Amino acid sequence: MVLNYKRIGQRIRVMRRARKMTQAELAECANLSVPYVSHIENGIKQASLQAVVNLAEAMECTADKLLYENQPDCCGVWQPELSEMLSGCTDSEQQFLLEVLSAMKNCIITNRHTFGSK
C-alpha cells in the first residue's frame, strides 16, 4: 500500500483548523518548524513518523486519526464477524444489541481516563 501524503496533509490541516490553531501554534506545540508544517499540509514534504506523532499529540488526537483515510476500510475488516454475530437474530434483537453497543461506547468515551485512552 502506498501512503497518500497529500491526503495526510489535508487531514492534518482539517484537524488543525477544527481546533482553531494556526500553523505557527501547531508547529510550536509539535516542536516543528512552521515551513515544515506548511509543506506537510500541502503535500510538498512527506511527514516523518516522529512528525506525525508530534502533530497528533499537539492536536490531542491519535496518529491513526491523521492517517485514517489512508488505511484500508477498517469497518470492512470487522463486517464478516459482525454479520455472523447478528445472523439468526430477530430485528428487535438486533436493535437491542445496537442499543447495548451504543451505551457501551458512551461509557468508554465518558471514562477514557480509566481505559488509558486519549
N, C-alpha and C. Protein backbone atom coordinates (compact mmCIF):
# COMPACT_ATOMS: atom_id res chain seq x y z
N MET A 1 0.83 -1.17 0.00
CA MET A 1 0.00 0.00 0.00
C MET A 1 0.88 1.24 0.00
N VAL A 2 0.53 2.20 -0.81
CA VAL A 2 1.27 3.45 -0.91
C VAL A 2 0.51 4.51 -0.11
N LEU A 3 1.24 5.21 0.76
CA LEU A 3 0.62 6.29 1.52
C LEU A 3 0.42 7.51 0.64
N ASN A 4 -0.71 8.15 0.79
CA ASN A 4 -1.02 9.37 0.06
C ASN A 4 -0.71 10.54 0.99
N TYR A 5 0.49 11.07 0.88
CA TYR A 5 0.95 12.12 1.78
C TYR A 5 0.18 13.43 1.60
N LYS A 6 -0.32 13.66 0.41
CA LYS A 6 -1.14 14.85 0.18
C LYS A 6 -2.43 14.77 1.01
N ARG A 7 -3.06 13.59 1.04
CA ARG A 7 -4.28 13.39 1.84
C ARG A 7 -3.97 13.47 3.33
N ILE A 8 -2.82 12.96 3.74
CA ILE A 8 -2.42 13.07 5.14
C ILE A 8 -2.30 14.55 5.51
N GLY A 9 -1.66 15.32 4.65
CA GLY A 9 -1.51 16.75 4.89
C GLY A 9 -2.85 17.46 4.96
N GLN A 10 -3.76 17.09 4.08
CA GLN A 10 -5.10 17.70 4.10
C GLN A 10 -5.82 17.36 5.40
N ARG A 11 -5.65 16.13 5.84
CA ARG A 11 -6.31 15.70 7.09
C ARG A 11 -5.73 16.49 8.27
N ILE A 12 -4.42 16.69 8.28
CA ILE A 12 -3.77 17.47 9.34
C ILE A 12 -4.32 18.90 9.33
N ARG A 13 -4.43 19.49 8.14
CA ARG A 13 -4.96 20.85 8.03
C ARG A 13 -6.38 20.92 8.59
N VAL A 14 -7.23 19.98 8.22
CA VAL A 14 -8.61 19.96 8.69
C VAL A 14 -8.65 19.85 10.22
N MET A 15 -7.83 18.96 10.77
CA MET A 15 -7.79 18.79 12.23
C MET A 15 -7.29 20.06 12.91
N ARG A 16 -6.28 20.67 12.35
CA ARG A 16 -5.71 21.91 12.93
C ARG A 16 -6.77 23.00 12.93
N ARG A 17 -7.43 23.19 11.81
CA ARG A 17 -8.45 24.24 11.71
C ARG A 17 -9.63 23.96 12.64
N ALA A 18 -9.99 22.70 12.78
CA ALA A 18 -11.09 22.33 13.68
C ALA A 18 -10.75 22.71 15.13
N ARG A 19 -9.46 22.70 15.43
CA ARG A 19 -9.00 23.07 16.78
C ARG A 19 -8.65 24.55 16.88
N LYS A 20 -8.96 25.29 15.80
CA LYS A 20 -8.72 26.73 15.73
C LYS A 20 -7.26 27.09 16.06
N MET A 21 -6.37 26.31 15.48
CA MET A 21 -4.93 26.55 15.64
C MET A 21 -4.36 27.10 14.34
N THR A 22 -3.38 27.98 14.48
CA THR A 22 -2.64 28.44 13.31
C THR A 22 -1.52 27.43 13.05
N GLN A 23 -0.92 27.53 11.88
CA GLN A 23 0.23 26.67 11.60
C GLN A 23 1.35 26.96 12.60
N ALA A 24 1.51 28.22 12.95
CA ALA A 24 2.57 28.60 13.91
C ALA A 24 2.32 27.97 15.28
N GLU A 25 1.07 28.00 15.72
CA GLU A 25 0.74 27.40 17.03
C GLU A 25 0.95 25.89 17.00
N LEU A 26 0.52 25.26 15.92
CA LEU A 26 0.71 23.82 15.80
C LEU A 26 2.18 23.47 15.75
N ALA A 27 2.93 24.21 14.95
CA ALA A 27 4.36 23.96 14.83
C ALA A 27 5.05 24.07 16.19
N GLU A 28 4.70 25.10 16.94
CA GLU A 28 5.32 25.28 18.25
C GLU A 28 4.98 24.13 19.19
N CYS A 29 3.70 23.74 19.23
CA CYS A 29 3.27 22.64 20.11
C CYS A 29 3.88 21.31 19.70
N ALA A 30 4.12 21.14 18.40
CA ALA A 30 4.65 19.87 17.89
C ALA A 30 6.18 19.88 17.78
N ASN A 31 6.79 21.01 18.17
CA ASN A 31 8.25 21.13 18.09
C ASN A 31 8.75 20.95 16.65
N LEU A 32 8.03 21.57 15.72
CA LEU A 32 8.38 21.53 14.30
C LEU A 32 8.46 22.96 13.79
N SER A 33 9.07 23.14 12.63
CA SER A 33 9.12 24.49 12.05
C SER A 33 7.82 24.78 11.31
N VAL A 34 7.48 26.05 11.22
CA VAL A 34 6.26 26.46 10.50
C VAL A 34 6.34 26.05 9.03
N PRO A 35 7.49 26.29 8.34
CA PRO A 35 7.54 25.86 6.93
C PRO A 35 7.35 24.34 6.77
N TYR A 36 7.88 23.56 7.71
CA TYR A 36 7.73 22.10 7.62
C TYR A 36 6.25 21.71 7.75
N VAL A 37 5.55 22.32 8.70
CA VAL A 37 4.12 22.05 8.87
C VAL A 37 3.37 22.44 7.60
N SER A 38 3.70 23.60 7.05
CA SER A 38 3.07 24.05 5.81
C SER A 38 3.33 23.07 4.67
N HIS A 39 4.56 22.61 4.56
CA HIS A 39 4.90 21.67 3.49
C HIS A 39 4.19 20.33 3.67
N ILE A 40 4.03 19.90 4.91
CA ILE A 40 3.30 18.66 5.17
C ILE A 40 1.84 18.83 4.76
N GLU A 41 1.24 19.93 5.21
CA GLU A 41 -0.18 20.18 4.90
C GLU A 41 -0.44 20.29 3.40
N ASN A 42 0.53 20.80 2.67
CA ASN A 42 0.37 20.97 1.22
C ASN A 42 0.88 19.78 0.41
N GLY A 43 1.34 18.75 1.09
CA GLY A 43 1.82 17.55 0.41
C GLY A 43 3.14 17.72 -0.30
N ILE A 44 3.87 18.77 0.05
CA ILE A 44 5.17 19.03 -0.58
C ILE A 44 6.24 18.11 0.03
N LYS A 45 6.14 17.91 1.35
CA LYS A 45 7.08 17.03 2.05
C LYS A 45 6.32 15.89 2.70
N GLN A 46 7.00 14.76 2.82
CA GLN A 46 6.43 13.61 3.49
C GLN A 46 6.74 13.72 4.98
N ALA A 47 5.70 13.68 5.79
CA ALA A 47 5.89 13.76 7.23
C ALA A 47 6.58 12.51 7.74
N SER A 48 7.57 12.70 8.59
CA SER A 48 8.22 11.55 9.22
C SER A 48 7.26 10.97 10.25
N LEU A 49 7.53 9.76 10.67
CA LEU A 49 6.71 9.13 11.70
C LEU A 49 6.73 9.98 12.97
N GLN A 50 7.90 10.48 13.34
CA GLN A 50 8.01 11.31 14.54
C GLN A 50 7.18 12.59 14.39
N ALA A 51 7.19 13.18 13.21
CA ALA A 51 6.40 14.39 12.97
C ALA A 51 4.91 14.10 13.11
N VAL A 52 4.46 12.98 12.59
CA VAL A 52 3.04 12.61 12.70
C VAL A 52 2.66 12.42 14.17
N VAL A 53 3.52 11.76 14.92
CA VAL A 53 3.26 11.55 16.35
C VAL A 53 3.23 12.90 17.07
N ASN A 54 4.19 13.78 16.78
CA ASN A 54 4.22 15.10 17.42
C ASN A 54 2.98 15.91 17.08
N LEU A 55 2.57 15.87 15.82
CA LEU A 55 1.38 16.60 15.39
C LEU A 55 0.12 16.06 16.08
N ALA A 56 0.03 14.75 16.16
CA ALA A 56 -1.12 14.12 16.81
C ALA A 56 -1.18 14.53 18.29
N GLU A 57 -0.05 14.48 18.96
CA GLU A 57 -0.02 14.87 20.37
C GLU A 57 -0.38 16.34 20.54
N ALA A 58 0.12 17.18 19.66
CA ALA A 58 -0.16 18.62 19.74
C ALA A 58 -1.64 18.91 19.54
N MET A 59 -2.31 18.08 18.73
CA MET A 59 -3.74 18.29 18.47
C MET A 59 -4.61 17.39 19.34
N GLU A 60 -3.96 16.69 20.28
CA GLU A 60 -4.67 15.82 21.22
C GLU A 60 -5.55 14.79 20.52
N CYS A 61 -4.93 14.12 19.55
CA CYS A 61 -5.62 13.03 18.87
C CYS A 61 -4.59 11.91 18.68
N THR A 62 -5.01 10.82 18.13
CA THR A 62 -4.09 9.72 17.87
C THR A 62 -3.54 9.83 16.45
N ALA A 63 -2.40 9.25 16.23
CA ALA A 63 -1.78 9.29 14.90
C ALA A 63 -2.69 8.63 13.86
N ASP A 64 -3.40 7.57 14.25
CA ASP A 64 -4.27 6.91 13.27
C ASP A 64 -5.40 7.82 12.81
N LYS A 65 -5.77 8.80 13.63
CA LYS A 65 -6.78 9.77 13.23
C LYS A 65 -6.29 10.60 12.05
N LEU A 66 -4.99 10.89 12.04
CA LEU A 66 -4.41 11.65 10.94
C LEU A 66 -4.19 10.78 9.70
N LEU A 67 -3.97 9.50 9.92
CA LEU A 67 -3.68 8.57 8.82
C LEU A 67 -4.91 7.81 8.34
N TYR A 68 -6.01 7.92 9.04
CA TYR A 68 -7.19 7.07 8.82
C TYR A 68 -7.59 6.89 7.37
N GLU A 69 -7.73 7.97 6.64
CA GLU A 69 -8.22 7.85 5.27
C GLU A 69 -7.24 7.11 4.37
N ASN A 70 -6.03 6.94 4.82
CA ASN A 70 -5.03 6.26 4.01
C ASN A 70 -4.94 4.78 4.32
N GLN A 71 -5.77 4.32 5.25
CA GLN A 71 -5.77 2.92 5.64
C GLN A 71 -6.91 2.20 4.94
N PRO A 72 -6.82 0.89 4.82
CA PRO A 72 -7.94 0.15 4.26
C PRO A 72 -9.18 0.38 5.11
N ASP A 73 -10.32 0.15 4.53
CA ASP A 73 -11.58 0.33 5.25
C ASP A 73 -11.61 -0.54 6.49
N CYS A 74 -11.49 0.08 7.65
CA CYS A 74 -11.44 -0.65 8.91
C CYS A 74 -12.75 -1.38 9.20
N CYS A 75 -13.86 -0.77 8.82
CA CYS A 75 -15.15 -1.41 9.07
C CYS A 75 -15.26 -2.71 8.30
N GLY A 76 -14.69 -2.74 7.11
CA GLY A 76 -14.75 -3.95 6.29
C GLY A 76 -14.05 -5.13 6.94
N VAL A 77 -13.07 -4.86 7.77
CA VAL A 77 -12.33 -5.93 8.44
C VAL A 77 -13.24 -6.65 9.42
N TRP A 78 -14.10 -5.91 10.12
CA TRP A 78 -14.97 -6.48 11.14
C TRP A 78 -16.33 -6.89 10.61
N GLN A 79 -16.67 -6.48 9.40
CA GLN A 79 -18.00 -6.73 8.87
C GLN A 79 -18.40 -8.20 8.87
N PRO A 80 -17.57 -9.12 8.39
CA PRO A 80 -17.99 -10.53 8.39
C PRO A 80 -18.27 -11.06 9.80
N GLU A 81 -17.44 -10.68 10.76
CA GLU A 81 -17.63 -11.15 12.13
C GLU A 81 -18.91 -10.57 12.73
N LEU A 82 -19.15 -9.28 12.47
CA LEU A 82 -20.37 -8.66 12.98
C LEU A 82 -21.60 -9.28 12.33
N SER A 83 -21.53 -9.53 11.05
CA SER A 83 -22.66 -10.15 10.34
C SER A 83 -22.97 -11.52 10.90
N GLU A 84 -21.92 -12.29 11.18
CA GLU A 84 -22.12 -13.63 11.73
C GLU A 84 -22.76 -13.56 13.12
N MET A 85 -22.31 -12.60 13.93
CA MET A 85 -22.89 -12.44 15.27
C MET A 85 -24.37 -12.09 15.22
N LEU A 86 -24.74 -11.29 14.22
CA LEU A 86 -26.13 -10.84 14.12
C LEU A 86 -27.02 -11.83 13.38
N SER A 87 -26.42 -12.76 12.65
CA SER A 87 -27.24 -13.71 11.90
C SER A 87 -28.06 -14.56 12.88
N GLY A 88 -29.28 -14.78 12.52
CA GLY A 88 -30.17 -15.55 13.39
C GLY A 88 -30.88 -14.71 14.43
N CYS A 89 -30.53 -13.44 14.54
CA CYS A 89 -31.22 -12.54 15.48
C CYS A 89 -32.42 -11.91 14.79
N THR A 90 -33.46 -11.71 15.55
CA THR A 90 -34.63 -11.00 15.02
C THR A 90 -34.29 -9.52 14.90
N ASP A 91 -35.17 -8.76 14.22
CA ASP A 91 -34.95 -7.31 14.11
C ASP A 91 -34.90 -6.65 15.48
N SER A 92 -35.78 -7.07 16.37
CA SER A 92 -35.79 -6.46 17.71
C SER A 92 -34.53 -6.83 18.49
N GLU A 93 -34.03 -8.04 18.31
CA GLU A 93 -32.77 -8.43 18.97
C GLU A 93 -31.60 -7.63 18.42
N GLN A 94 -31.58 -7.42 17.11
CA GLN A 94 -30.52 -6.61 16.51
C GLN A 94 -30.58 -5.18 17.02
N GLN A 95 -31.79 -4.62 17.13
CA GLN A 95 -31.97 -3.27 17.66
C GLN A 95 -31.47 -3.19 19.10
N PHE A 96 -31.80 -4.21 19.91
CA PHE A 96 -31.35 -4.25 21.30
C PHE A 96 -29.82 -4.29 21.37
N LEU A 97 -29.20 -5.12 20.54
CA LEU A 97 -27.73 -5.21 20.52
C LEU A 97 -27.10 -3.88 20.11
N LEU A 98 -27.71 -3.19 19.16
CA LEU A 98 -27.22 -1.88 18.75
C LEU A 98 -27.28 -0.89 19.90
N GLU A 99 -28.38 -0.91 20.66
CA GLU A 99 -28.53 -0.02 21.81
C GLU A 99 -27.50 -0.34 22.89
N VAL A 100 -27.25 -1.62 23.13
CA VAL A 100 -26.23 -2.02 24.13
C VAL A 100 -24.86 -1.55 23.68
N LEU A 101 -24.53 -1.75 22.41
CA LEU A 101 -23.24 -1.32 21.88
C LEU A 101 -23.09 0.19 21.98
N SER A 102 -24.14 0.92 21.68
CA SER A 102 -24.12 2.38 21.78
C SER A 102 -23.88 2.82 23.23
N ALA A 103 -24.55 2.18 24.17
CA ALA A 103 -24.36 2.51 25.58
C ALA A 103 -22.94 2.19 26.03
N MET A 104 -22.39 1.07 25.57
CA MET A 104 -21.02 0.71 25.92
C MET A 104 -20.04 1.73 25.37
N LYS A 105 -20.26 2.16 24.14
CA LYS A 105 -19.39 3.17 23.53
C LYS A 105 -19.42 4.46 24.35
N ASN A 106 -20.61 4.91 24.70
CA ASN A 106 -20.73 6.13 25.51
C ASN A 106 -20.02 5.99 26.85
N CYS A 107 -20.13 4.84 27.47
CA CYS A 107 -19.47 4.58 28.74
C CYS A 107 -17.95 4.64 28.59
N ILE A 108 -17.43 4.04 27.54
CA ILE A 108 -15.99 4.06 27.29
C ILE A 108 -15.51 5.48 27.04
N ILE A 109 -16.24 6.24 26.25
CA ILE A 109 -15.85 7.62 25.95
C ILE A 109 -15.87 8.46 27.23
N THR A 110 -16.91 8.28 28.04
CA THR A 110 -17.03 9.04 29.29
C THR A 110 -15.91 8.70 30.26
N ASN A 111 -15.44 7.47 30.23
CA ASN A 111 -14.44 7.00 31.20
C ASN A 111 -13.09 6.69 30.55
N ARG A 112 -12.73 7.46 29.54
CA ARG A 112 -11.47 7.20 28.81
C ARG A 112 -10.27 7.14 29.74
N HIS A 113 -10.25 7.99 30.73
CA HIS A 113 -9.12 8.02 31.66
C HIS A 113 -8.94 6.67 32.34
N THR A 114 -10.03 5.96 32.59
CA THR A 114 -9.97 4.65 33.22
C THR A 114 -9.40 3.59 32.26
N PHE A 115 -9.71 3.74 30.98
CA PHE A 115 -9.29 2.78 29.98
C PHE A 115 -7.92 3.09 29.41
N GLY A 116 -7.31 4.20 29.82
CA GLY A 116 -5.97 4.57 29.37
C GLY A 116 -5.92 5.11 27.96
N SER A 117 -7.05 5.59 27.44
CA SER A 117 -7.08 6.17 26.09
C SER A 117 -7.04 7.67 26.19
N LYS A 118 -6.67 8.30 25.04
CA LYS A 118 -6.71 9.76 24.98
C LYS A 118 -8.10 10.22 24.67
